[in-house]
Amino acid sequence: MTDNAAIVRQALEALNSGDLEGYMSMYLPECQFVGYPADVQPTYEGVKAFYAELLSGVGGLHIEPIDLFAAGQRVVVRYVMTGDHNGELLGQPRTGHAIAVEGLTILYFQDDKVGFRVNQADTMALLTQIGIIATPSSTSG
């Protein structure tokens, strides 16, 4: 029996080292993705482009599992994504701000690959941290 949790850990190590192809190898080409920003196509190629943008826009990108466990064909990961906003991200030019965003992902495996992914991240925190959404302290004089 395949250790799906180990597959996820290996994929996260690949992403954290900047190996996008290694990360994406965990997914079936026809994988369905739910819960990404509206402008991200919910396809393998759309999500790959999203992660390429993250790797480009977030220096030192690191996704650290807080909780990671497997149940049957599912793997659940509660994570924190950290790094520095060192390049364009979601249309926002570099701010140099540190980011820390928590999220939760459920991965459904088929034949040792992910065939369906549900993602929920604190998008509001990310948008605030990179300056797309102003905070009261950043707008007061």
Protein backbone atom coordinates (compact mmCIF):
# COMPACT_ATOMS: atom_id res chain seq x y z
CA MET A 1 0.00 0.00 0.00
CA THR A 2 1.31 3.44 -0.93
CA ASP A 3 2.08 5.97 1.78
CA ASN A 4 0.12 8.96 0.45
CA ALA A 5 1.29 11.18 3.31
CA ALA A 6 4.90 10.50 2.29
CA ILE A 7 4.07 11.49 -1.31
CA VAL A 8 2.70 14.82 -0.04
CA ARG A 9 5.73 15.45 2.17
CA GLN A 10 8.07 14.73 -0.76
CA ALA A 11 6.08 17.08 -3.02
CA LEU A 12 6.23 19.87 -0.42
CA GLU A 13 9.99 19.39 -0.14
CA ALA A 14 10.22 19.77 -3.91
CA LEU A 15 8.15 22.97 -3.90
CA ASN A 16 10.11 24.42 -0.99
CA SER A 17 13.32 23.84 -2.93
CA GLY A 18 11.88 25.57 -6.03
CA ASP A 19 11.27 22.34 -7.99
CA LEU A 20 7.88 23.06 -9.56
CA GLU A 21 7.93 19.95 -11.79
CA GLY A 22 8.72 17.76 -8.79
CA TYR A 23 5.83 19.31 -6.86
CA MET A 24 3.34 18.97 -9.72
CA SER A 25 4.31 15.32 -10.27
CA MET A 26 2.03 14.47 -7.33
CA TYR A 27 -1.06 15.38 -9.44
CA LEU A 28 -2.83 13.53 -12.22
CA PRO A 29 -2.90 15.62 -15.43
CA GLU A 30 -6.72 15.61 -15.22
CA CYS A 31 -6.77 16.57 -11.52
CA GLN A 32 -9.60 18.87 -10.46
CA PHE A 33 -8.78 21.80 -8.17
CA VAL A 34 -11.21 23.68 -5.93
CA GLY A 35 -10.62 26.73 -3.73
CA TYR A 36 -7.97 28.69 -5.61
CA PRO A 37 -8.31 32.42 -6.41
CA ALA A 38 -10.98 33.15 -9.03
CA ASP A 39 -8.46 34.04 -11.74
CA VAL A 40 -6.69 30.66 -11.42
CA GLN A 41 -7.95 28.08 -13.91
CA PRO A 42 -8.93 24.98 -11.86
CA THR A 43 -6.85 22.72 -14.10
CA TYR A 44 -3.42 21.15 -13.84
CA GLU A 45 -1.90 23.85 -16.08
CA GLY A 46 -3.75 26.67 -14.32
CA VAL A 47 -2.60 25.56 -10.89
CA LYS A 48 0.93 24.98 -12.18
CA ALA A 49 0.99 28.59 -13.42
CA PHE A 50 -0.26 29.74 -10.00
CA TYR A 51 2.58 27.95 -8.20
CA ALA A 52 5.10 29.29 -10.73
CA GLU A 53 3.88 32.80 -9.86
CA LEU A 54 4.22 32.04 -6.14
CA LEU A 55 7.77 30.78 -6.61
CA SER A 56 8.60 33.89 -8.63
CA GLY A 57 6.87 36.41 -6.37
CA VAL A 58 7.66 34.99 -2.94
CA GLY A 59 11.33 34.75 -2.06
CA GLY A 60 12.14 31.88 0.28
CA LEU A 61 8.70 30.35 -0.27
CA HIS A 62 8.22 27.67 2.35
CA ILE A 63 5.10 25.63 3.02
CA GLU A 64 5.31 23.98 6.42
CA PRO A 65 2.76 21.37 7.44
CA ILE A 66 1.29 22.09 10.86
CA ASP A 67 -0.86 18.94 10.73
CA LEU A 68 -0.60 16.26 8.06
CA PHE A 69 -2.48 12.98 8.24
CA ALA A 70 -3.86 10.33 5.92
CA ALA A 71 -7.19 8.51 6.07
CA GLY A 72 -7.73 5.99 3.31
CA GLN A 73 -7.24 7.74 -0.03
CA ARG A 74 -7.30 11.22 1.54
CA VAL A 75 -4.49 13.33 2.94
CA VAL A 76 -5.31 16.44 4.96
CA VAL A 77 -2.72 19.17 5.42
CA ARG A 78 -3.07 22.24 7.61
CA TYR A 79 -0.13 24.45 6.68
CA VAL A 80 1.52 27.82 6.93
CA MET A 81 3.09 29.41 3.87
CA THR A 82 5.89 31.90 4.55
CA GLY A 83 8.33 33.96 2.55
CA ASP A 84 9.02 37.51 1.39
CA HIS A 85 7.08 39.37 -1.29
CA ASN A 86 10.08 39.94 -3.55
CA GLY A 87 8.39 39.95 -6.96
CA GLU A 88 5.07 40.60 -8.63
CA LEU A 89 2.31 38.52 -7.08
CA LEU A 90 -1.39 38.58 -7.98
CA GLY A 91 -0.72 41.74 -9.97
CA GLN A 92 0.89 43.50 -7.00
CA PRO A 93 4.47 44.74 -7.46
CA ARG A 94 7.13 43.76 -4.95
CA THR A 95 6.65 45.18 -1.44
CA GLY A 96 9.42 43.32 0.39
CA HIS A 97 6.92 42.44 3.11
CA ALA A 98 7.15 39.13 4.92
CA ILE A 99 4.12 36.92 4.45
CA ALA A 100 2.65 34.20 6.63
CA VAL A 101 -0.60 32.61 5.46
CA GLU A 102 -2.35 29.59 6.92
CA GLY A 103 -4.44 27.16 4.90
CA LEU A 104 -6.01 23.74 4.77
CA THR A 105 -5.90 21.26 1.91
CA ILE A 106 -7.63 17.94 1.35
CA LEU A 107 -6.04 15.75 -1.32
CA TYR A 108 -7.94 12.78 -2.79
CA PHE A 109 -5.62 10.14 -4.23
CA GLN A 110 -6.27 7.81 -7.18
CA ASP A 111 -3.58 5.33 -8.19
CA ASP A 112 -0.84 7.03 -6.14
CA LYS A 113 -1.56 10.50 -7.59
CA VAL A 114 -3.89 13.31 -6.54
CA GLY A 115 -7.06 13.37 -8.65
CA PHE A 116 -8.99 16.00 -6.69
CA ARG A 117 -7.81 18.82 -4.40
CA VAL A 118 -9.80 21.12 -2.16
CA ASN A 119 -7.87 24.14 -0.91
CA GLN A 120 -8.80 26.81 1.61
CA ALA A 121 -6.26 29.52 2.40
CA ASP A 122 -6.47 32.78 4.31
CA THR A 123 -6.54 34.84 1.12
CA MET A 124 -7.51 37.99 3.03
CA ALA A 125 -4.29 37.75 5.05
CA LEU A 126 -2.22 37.31 1.89
CA LEU A 127 -3.87 40.22 0.10
CA THR A 128 -3.36 42.43 3.15
CA GLN A 129 0.26 41.37 3.64
CA ILE A 130 1.22 42.15 0.04
CA GLY A 131 -0.64 45.46 0.05
CA ILE A 132 -3.60 44.76 -2.23
CA ILE A 133 -5.98 45.40 0.67
CA ALA A 134 -5.07 48.36 2.85
CA THR A 135 -5.11 48.06 6.62
CA PRO A 136 -6.29 50.91 8.86
CA SER A 137 -2.70 51.50 10.03
CA SER A 138 -1.47 51.80 6.42
CA THR A 139 -4.11 54.39 5.52
CA SER A 140 -4.07 56.58 8.62
CA GLY A 141 -1.83 59.60 8.73
